[in-house]
Amino acid sequence: MLYRVFFLLFALLGIYWNCTNTATGDAGQVSDLKTYFTSDDTGILAGGVKVIPITSNGQSFRIWTKRFGNNPTVKLLLLQGGPGATHEYWECMESYLPAEGIEFIYYDQLGTGFSDNPDDTTYWDLPRYVEEVEQVRQALGLNQDNFYLLGHSWGGILAAEYALKYQENLKGLIISNMMMSCPEYDRYADEVLAKQMDPDALQGIREIEANNDFGNPRYMEILTPHFYEKHILRLPEAEWPEPVVRSLGKMNSSLYVTMQGPSEFGIGGRLAQWDVKDRMASIKVPVLSIGATHDTMDPDHMKWIASAVQKGRFLLCPNGSHMCMWDDQKTYMEGLIRFLQDVDDGAF
């Protein structure tokens, strides 16, 4: 009988102990969530939105940003591509980064999304955008102890140029789906991607471009199945994720054509001769270069980037294309998160 009493007592203590531990764990989890979603803003809270005043070419503009989460040592500023797309195709980050406690910041560059649009091509200038990023950094209080910069496509050009001038402000740099030489990108499109395309489709593209007939609806009719669905986002266009469609649907065509050029197959415009290959060795901060097997960009070149900088890592998305944060999402996100955590832990 005494044995049974002691057994019952120990069982009750075990139940109590488990309940206490569970409650404590839940409380700790809630506390962590409160920390992650805390706000440093004062006054009326706006869900992390901060409109930043900048000065550019002697004029004042407003730049839209939105912070998601709070982490004092990992703050990831996102630079979208295009040039001329909006921050919205980065919304996939919300499905992955909060669970890891990573803070990230949406940012519409001048002329895109919710930021001011001067509607003046003199502002579509790479050095000017670099100074814009620096003003945004200062306004957000980002510094070498917490500031990670991720640039995708055109954003990769901007991120690289920023690092080449202001790397002392960075903790880490991510160049996603961008080569460091536009002439080499153009050659890759012509010598590799073109040869993979159906000959009749390629001839149709070449004829339209030769006639400068870029408004011809047949141009996109050819490009969509033969180029976009193979090298931009590897899904039928009707199945493209809504944030991607929403972002690309708001493309600033003036900005895009001025810097990229009118052709969707290769590059022209003000970026046509951009090349910083011989300067990459000067980048000292940790760098993650992300490429994809089916990208518009040469994956071998993007692998080279990781070896050209002083501390580099390469991430290949084998099933992905130019938007591999969508079509090879798990590979992309796991590799990005690992890089951020390794740098933050001093393990890189």
Protein backbone atom coordinates (compact mmCIF):
# COMPACT_ATOMS: atom_id res chain seq x y z
CA MET A 1 0.00 0.00 0.00
CA LEU A 2 2.83 2.39 0.95
CA TYR A 3 4.51 1.59 -2.39
CA ARG A 4 1.35 2.58 -4.24
CA VAL A 5 1.16 5.88 -2.35
CA PHE A 6 4.75 6.77 -3.26
CA PHE A 7 4.16 5.76 -6.89
CA LEU A 8 1.07 8.00 -7.09
CA LEU A 9 2.98 10.87 -5.46
CA PHE A 10 5.84 10.61 -7.95
CA ALA A 11 3.39 10.44 -10.87
CA LEU A 12 1.62 13.59 -9.70
CA LEU A 13 4.95 15.37 -9.27
CA GLY A 14 5.91 14.32 -12.81
CA ILE A 15 2.69 15.71 -14.24
CA TYR A 16 3.19 18.95 -12.31
CA TRP A 17 6.80 19.24 -13.48
CA ASN A 18 5.85 18.68 -17.11
CA CYS A 19 3.06 21.22 -16.95
CA THR A 20 5.39 23.75 -15.31
CA ASN A 21 8.07 23.22 -17.97
CA THR A 22 5.51 23.50 -20.78
CA ALA A 23 4.12 26.71 -19.40
CA THR A 24 7.61 28.13 -18.99
CA GLY A 25 8.51 27.13 -22.55
CA ASP A 26 5.39 28.76 -23.93
CA ALA A 27 6.07 31.90 -21.95
CA GLY A 28 9.63 31.98 -23.28
CA GLN A 29 8.38 31.54 -26.83
CA VAL A 30 5.90 34.38 -26.42
CA SER A 31 8.67 36.52 -24.95
CA ASP A 32 10.86 35.78 -28.00
CA LEU A 33 8.04 36.70 -30.35
CA LYS A 34 7.47 39.94 -28.46
CA THR A 35 11.15 40.75 -28.81
CA TYR A 36 11.17 39.98 -32.54
CA PHE A 37 8.09 42.05 -33.24
CA THR A 38 8.94 44.93 -30.91
CA SER A 39 9.12 48.41 -32.39
CA ASP A 40 11.66 51.13 -31.78
CA ASP A 41 9.31 53.68 -33.35
CA THR A 42 7.60 56.32 -31.28
CA GLY A 43 4.24 57.97 -31.69
CA ILE A 44 1.68 56.35 -33.98
CA LEU A 45 2.99 52.94 -35.08
CA ALA A 46 2.80 52.11 -38.79
CA GLY A 47 3.62 48.42 -38.91
CA GLY A 48 7.30 48.98 -39.61
CA VAL A 49 6.81 51.42 -42.47
CA LYS A 50 9.25 54.29 -42.53
CA VAL A 51 9.28 56.90 -45.26
CA ILE A 52 12.78 58.29 -45.55
CA PRO A 53 13.55 61.76 -46.91
CA ILE A 54 16.56 61.79 -49.22
CA THR A 55 18.30 64.44 -51.28
CA SER A 56 19.36 63.59 -54.80
CA ASN A 57 20.62 65.87 -57.57
CA GLY A 58 19.66 68.82 -55.41
CA GLN A 59 16.04 67.67 -55.04
CA SER A 60 14.17 66.12 -52.12
CA PHE A 61 12.31 62.81 -52.39
CA ARG A 62 10.58 60.28 -50.16
CA ILE A 63 11.73 56.67 -50.10
CA TRP A 64 9.41 53.92 -48.78
CA THR A 65 10.75 51.18 -46.49
CA LYS A 66 9.14 48.61 -44.23
CA ARG A 67 10.87 46.70 -41.46
CA PHE A 68 9.73 43.16 -40.66
CA GLY A 69 10.88 41.89 -37.28
CA ASN A 70 13.66 43.06 -35.02
CA ASN A 71 17.12 41.59 -34.60
CA PRO A 72 19.93 43.79 -33.28
CA THR A 73 22.65 41.81 -35.11
CA VAL A 74 20.98 40.68 -38.35
CA LYS A 75 19.22 43.32 -40.41
CA LEU A 76 18.79 42.40 -44.09
CA LEU A 77 18.06 45.21 -46.57
CA LEU A 78 16.53 43.91 -49.82
CA LEU A 79 17.30 45.42 -53.22
CA GLN A 80 14.92 44.28 -55.95
CA GLY A 81 15.77 43.86 -59.60
CA GLY A 82 14.42 45.08 -62.88
CA PRO A 83 15.59 47.76 -62.85
CA GLY A 84 12.15 49.13 -62.10
CA ALA A 85 10.34 46.29 -60.29
CA THR A 86 8.95 46.78 -56.78
CA HIS A 87 9.87 45.24 -53.43
CA GLU A 88 6.77 43.02 -53.56
CA TYR A 89 8.36 39.94 -55.11
CA TRP A 90 10.41 39.66 -51.91
CA GLU A 91 7.27 38.81 -49.93
CA CYS A 92 8.30 35.14 -49.98
CA MET A 93 10.79 36.10 -47.25
CA GLU A 94 7.90 36.32 -44.80
CA SER A 95 7.41 32.55 -45.04
CA TYR A 96 10.98 31.77 -43.95
CA LEU A 97 12.95 34.51 -42.17
CA PRO A 98 10.71 35.32 -39.18
CA ALA A 99 10.93 31.72 -37.94
CA GLU A 100 14.72 32.20 -37.76
CA GLY A 101 14.47 35.56 -36.00
CA ILE A 102 15.98 37.40 -38.98
CA GLU A 103 15.01 41.02 -39.47
CA PHE A 104 14.52 42.13 -43.06
CA ILE A 105 13.64 45.43 -44.67
CA TYR A 106 11.67 46.05 -47.83
CA TYR A 107 12.80 49.08 -49.81
CA ASP A 108 11.37 50.61 -52.98
CA GLN A 109 14.14 52.39 -54.86
CA LEU A 110 13.45 55.85 -56.28
CA GLY A 111 11.06 55.53 -59.21
CA THR A 112 9.55 52.25 -58.00
CA GLY A 113 6.62 51.10 -55.90
CA PHE A 114 5.57 53.41 -53.08
CA SER A 115 8.61 55.69 -53.34
CA ASP A 116 8.59 58.96 -55.24
CA ASN A 117 8.96 58.84 -58.99
CA PRO A 118 10.63 61.94 -60.48
CA ASP A 119 9.77 60.70 -63.98
CA ASP A 120 13.13 62.00 -65.14
CA THR A 121 15.73 59.71 -66.74
CA THR A 122 18.61 61.74 -65.30
CA TYR A 123 17.84 60.00 -61.99
CA TRP A 124 18.20 56.52 -63.50
CA ASP A 125 21.91 56.44 -62.75
CA LEU A 126 23.95 53.78 -60.91
CA PRO A 127 26.21 56.10 -58.83
CA ARG A 128 23.15 58.08 -57.79
CA TYR A 129 21.42 54.88 -56.62
CA VAL A 130 24.50 53.96 -54.58
CA GLU A 131 24.23 57.26 -52.71
CA GLU A 132 20.52 56.64 -52.24
CA VAL A 133 21.24 53.31 -50.54
CA GLU A 134 23.73 55.04 -48.27
CA GLN A 135 21.14 57.63 -47.23
CA VAL A 136 18.63 54.86 -46.55
CA ARG A 137 21.21 52.98 -44.47
CA GLN A 138 21.90 56.02 -42.33
CA ALA A 139 18.21 56.72 -41.79
CA LEU A 140 17.56 53.13 -40.69
CA GLY A 141 20.54 53.05 -38.32
CA LEU A 142 22.22 50.13 -40.06
CA ASN A 143 25.94 49.58 -39.45
CA GLN A 144 28.81 47.11 -39.64
CA ASP A 145 27.47 45.28 -36.58
CA ASN A 146 24.14 44.35 -38.18
CA PHE A 147 23.85 45.43 -41.83
CA TYR A 148 23.45 42.75 -44.49
CA LEU A 149 22.69 43.83 -48.06
CA LEU A 150 20.97 41.47 -50.51
CA GLY A 151 20.71 42.53 -54.14
CA HIS A 152 18.94 40.46 -56.78
CA SER A 153 19.55 40.92 -60.53
CA TRP A 154 19.88 44.70 -61.06
CA GLY A 155 19.87 44.88 -57.26
CA GLY A 156 23.01 42.72 -57.36
CA ILE A 157 24.75 45.36 -59.47
CA LEU A 158 23.68 48.02 -56.99
CA ALA A 159 24.73 45.92 -53.99
CA ALA A 160 28.17 45.23 -55.49
CA GLU A 161 28.75 48.90 -56.29
CA TYR A 162 27.64 49.86 -52.79
CA ALA A 163 30.07 47.37 -51.25
CA LEU A 164 32.92 48.60 -53.43
CA LYS A 165 32.43 52.11 -52.05
CA TYR A 166 30.96 51.61 -48.58
CA GLN A 167 31.87 48.11 -47.40
CA GLU A 168 33.00 49.47 -44.03
CA ASN A 169 29.28 49.81 -43.24
CA LEU A 170 28.48 46.17 -44.06
CA LYS A 171 28.45 42.99 -42.02
CA GLY A 172 27.68 40.79 -45.02
CA LEU A 173 26.81 40.98 -48.72
CA ILE A 174 24.57 38.73 -50.83
CA ILE A 175 24.70 38.97 -54.63
CA SER A 176 21.78 37.03 -56.04
CA ASN A 177 21.49 36.01 -59.70
CA MET A 178 23.80 38.64 -61.15
CA MET A 179 27.10 38.54 -63.00
CA MET A 180 29.74 41.15 -62.36
CA SER A 181 30.13 41.96 -66.05
CA CYS A 182 27.25 43.03 -68.27
CA PRO A 183 29.26 42.39 -71.48
CA GLU A 184 29.80 38.80 -70.28
CA TYR A 185 26.10 38.50 -69.44
CA ASP A 186 25.27 39.67 -72.96
CA ARG A 187 27.64 37.09 -74.45
CA TYR A 188 26.13 34.34 -72.31
CA ALA A 189 22.67 35.20 -73.60
CA ASP A 190 23.89 35.19 -77.19
CA GLU A 191 26.26 32.21 -77.12
CA VAL A 192 24.55 29.89 -74.63
CA LEU A 193 20.90 30.74 -74.05
CA ALA A 194 20.19 31.54 -77.69
CA LYS A 195 21.50 28.14 -78.77
CA GLN A 196 19.12 26.43 -76.35
CA MET A 197 16.11 28.18 -77.86
CA ASP A 198 13.86 26.86 -80.60
CA PRO A 199 15.38 28.19 -83.87
CA ASP A 200 12.07 29.54 -85.19
CA ALA A 201 11.38 31.36 -81.92
CA LEU A 202 14.88 32.83 -81.90
CA GLN A 203 14.51 34.03 -85.48
CA GLY A 204 11.24 35.74 -84.58
CA ILE A 205 12.89 37.51 -81.63
CA ARG A 206 15.85 38.61 -83.72
CA GLU A 207 13.61 40.02 -86.46
CA ILE A 208 11.49 42.03 -84.02
CA GLU A 209 14.57 43.41 -82.27
CA ALA A 210 16.27 44.25 -85.58
CA ASN A 211 13.20 46.27 -86.57
CA ASN A 212 13.10 47.97 -83.16
CA ASP A 213 9.52 46.75 -82.94
CA PHE A 214 9.48 46.02 -79.22
CA GLY A 215 5.82 46.98 -78.87
CA ASN A 216 4.81 44.16 -81.16
CA PRO A 217 2.62 41.79 -79.10
CA ARG A 218 4.27 38.85 -80.83
CA TYR A 219 7.50 39.73 -79.00
CA MET A 220 6.14 38.69 -75.62
CA GLU A 221 4.15 35.85 -77.17
CA ILE A 222 7.46 34.31 -78.23
CA LEU A 223 9.50 35.26 -75.19
CA THR A 224 7.04 34.03 -72.56
CA PRO A 225 7.11 30.29 -73.33
CA HIS A 226 10.61 30.16 -74.86
CA PHE A 227 12.52 32.41 -72.45
CA TYR A 228 10.56 33.63 -69.43
CA GLU A 229 9.15 30.22 -68.45
CA LYS A 230 12.55 28.57 -68.92
CA HIS A 231 14.99 31.15 -67.54
CA ILE A 232 13.08 33.76 -65.49
CA LEU A 233 10.64 31.68 -63.44
CA ARG A 234 10.23 28.02 -64.31
CA LEU A 235 6.47 27.77 -64.11
CA PRO A 236 3.74 28.38 -66.68
CA GLU A 237 3.08 32.11 -66.60
CA ALA A 238 -0.49 31.49 -65.44
CA GLU A 239 0.94 29.86 -62.30
CA TRP A 240 3.46 32.56 -61.40
CA PRO A 241 3.10 33.56 -57.71
CA GLU A 242 0.88 36.55 -57.16
CA PRO A 243 3.57 38.75 -55.52
CA VAL A 244 5.77 38.27 -58.59
CA VAL A 245 2.94 39.18 -60.95
CA ARG A 246 2.03 42.17 -58.80
CA SER A 247 5.62 43.43 -58.67
CA LEU A 248 6.38 42.99 -62.37
CA GLY A 249 2.99 44.50 -63.24
CA LYS A 250 4.16 47.76 -61.64
CA MET A 251 7.46 47.88 -63.53
CA ASN A 252 8.75 51.37 -64.26
CA SER A 253 9.36 50.95 -67.99
CA SER A 254 11.27 54.23 -68.29
CA LEU A 255 13.75 53.09 -65.64
CA TYR A 256 13.96 49.60 -67.15
CA VAL A 257 14.59 50.66 -70.73
CA THR A 258 17.01 53.45 -69.76
CA MET A 259 19.28 51.13 -67.78
CA GLN A 260 18.59 47.62 -69.13
CA GLY A 261 17.68 48.57 -72.71
CA PRO A 262 14.58 47.59 -74.71
CA SER A 263 15.66 44.01 -75.41
CA GLU A 264 14.50 41.27 -73.05
CA PHE A 265 17.21 39.00 -74.41
CA GLY A 266 20.55 40.48 -73.34
CA ILE A 267 21.39 43.95 -72.09
CA GLY A 268 21.83 47.45 -73.45
CA GLY A 269 21.12 50.87 -72.00
CA ARG A 270 23.33 52.59 -69.47
CA LEU A 271 24.44 49.30 -67.90
CA ALA A 272 25.68 47.75 -71.14
CA GLN A 273 29.38 48.25 -70.36
CA TRP A 274 29.22 47.83 -66.58
CA ASP A 275 32.04 45.53 -65.42
CA VAL A 276 33.65 45.29 -61.96
CA LYS A 277 35.34 41.89 -62.25
CA ASP A 278 38.78 43.31 -61.63
CA ARG A 279 37.62 45.07 -58.45
CA MET A 280 35.95 42.16 -56.65
CA ALA A 281 39.15 41.13 -54.84
CA SER A 282 38.94 44.32 -52.79
CA ILE A 283 35.72 43.20 -51.07
CA LYS A 284 36.63 42.03 -47.57
CA VAL A 285 33.23 41.40 -46.01
CA PRO A 286 31.66 37.92 -46.19
CA VAL A 287 29.89 37.43 -49.51
CA LEU A 288 27.27 34.90 -50.59
CA SER A 289 26.84 34.56 -54.35
CA ILE A 290 23.63 32.84 -55.42
CA GLY A 291 23.14 31.34 -58.88
CA ALA A 292 20.81 28.89 -60.56
CA THR A 293 21.29 26.22 -63.20
CA HIS A 294 18.60 27.61 -65.51
CA ASP A 295 19.29 31.29 -64.85
CA THR A 296 19.58 34.02 -67.46
CA MET A 297 23.00 34.52 -65.84
CA ASP A 298 25.94 32.15 -66.15
CA PRO A 299 26.07 29.97 -62.99
CA ASP A 300 29.80 29.40 -63.48
CA HIS A 301 30.39 33.13 -63.36
CA MET A 302 28.35 33.42 -60.17
CA LYS A 303 30.41 30.59 -58.68
CA TRP A 304 33.52 32.56 -59.65
CA ILE A 305 32.30 35.56 -57.64
CA ALA A 306 32.67 33.55 -54.43
CA SER A 307 36.31 32.85 -55.25
CA ALA A 308 37.07 36.40 -56.42
CA VAL A 309 36.20 38.10 -53.13
CA GLN A 310 38.25 37.63 -49.98
CA LYS A 311 35.60 35.67 -48.05
CA GLY A 312 33.06 34.10 -50.36
CA ARG A 313 30.53 31.28 -50.52
CA PHE A 314 28.55 30.04 -53.51
CA LEU A 315 24.99 28.71 -53.42
CA LEU A 316 23.66 26.91 -56.48
CA CYS A 317 19.92 26.42 -56.88
CA PRO A 318 19.92 23.40 -59.23
CA ASN A 319 16.22 23.50 -60.06
CA GLY A 320 15.94 27.28 -60.23
CA SER A 321 16.13 30.10 -62.71
CA HIS A 322 16.51 33.87 -62.37
CA MET A 323 13.77 34.00 -59.70
CA CYS A 324 15.08 31.00 -57.78
CA MET A 325 13.77 32.43 -54.51
CA TRP A 326 10.50 31.18 -55.98
CA ASP A 327 11.21 28.20 -58.24
CA ASP A 328 13.92 26.58 -56.06
CA GLN A 329 12.72 28.17 -52.88
CA LYS A 330 13.85 25.71 -50.22
CA THR A 331 17.42 25.63 -51.53
CA TYR A 332 17.53 29.43 -51.78
CA MET A 333 16.12 30.14 -48.34
CA GLU A 334 18.07 27.48 -46.47
CA GLY A 335 21.33 28.66 -48.04
CA LEU A 336 20.59 32.31 -47.31
CA ILE A 337 19.62 31.61 -43.70
CA ARG A 338 22.72 29.48 -43.15
CA PHE A 339 24.97 32.24 -44.46
CA LEU A 340 23.38 34.89 -42.24
CA GLN A 341 23.61 32.66 -39.18
CA ASP A 342 27.21 31.64 -39.89
CA VAL A 343 28.37 35.22 -40.28
CA ASP A 344 26.45 36.28 -37.20
CA ASP A 345 27.98 33.41 -35.19
CA GLY A 346 31.49 34.22 -36.42
CA ALA A 347 31.65 30.83 -38.16
CA PHE A 348 32.22 32.15 -41.66
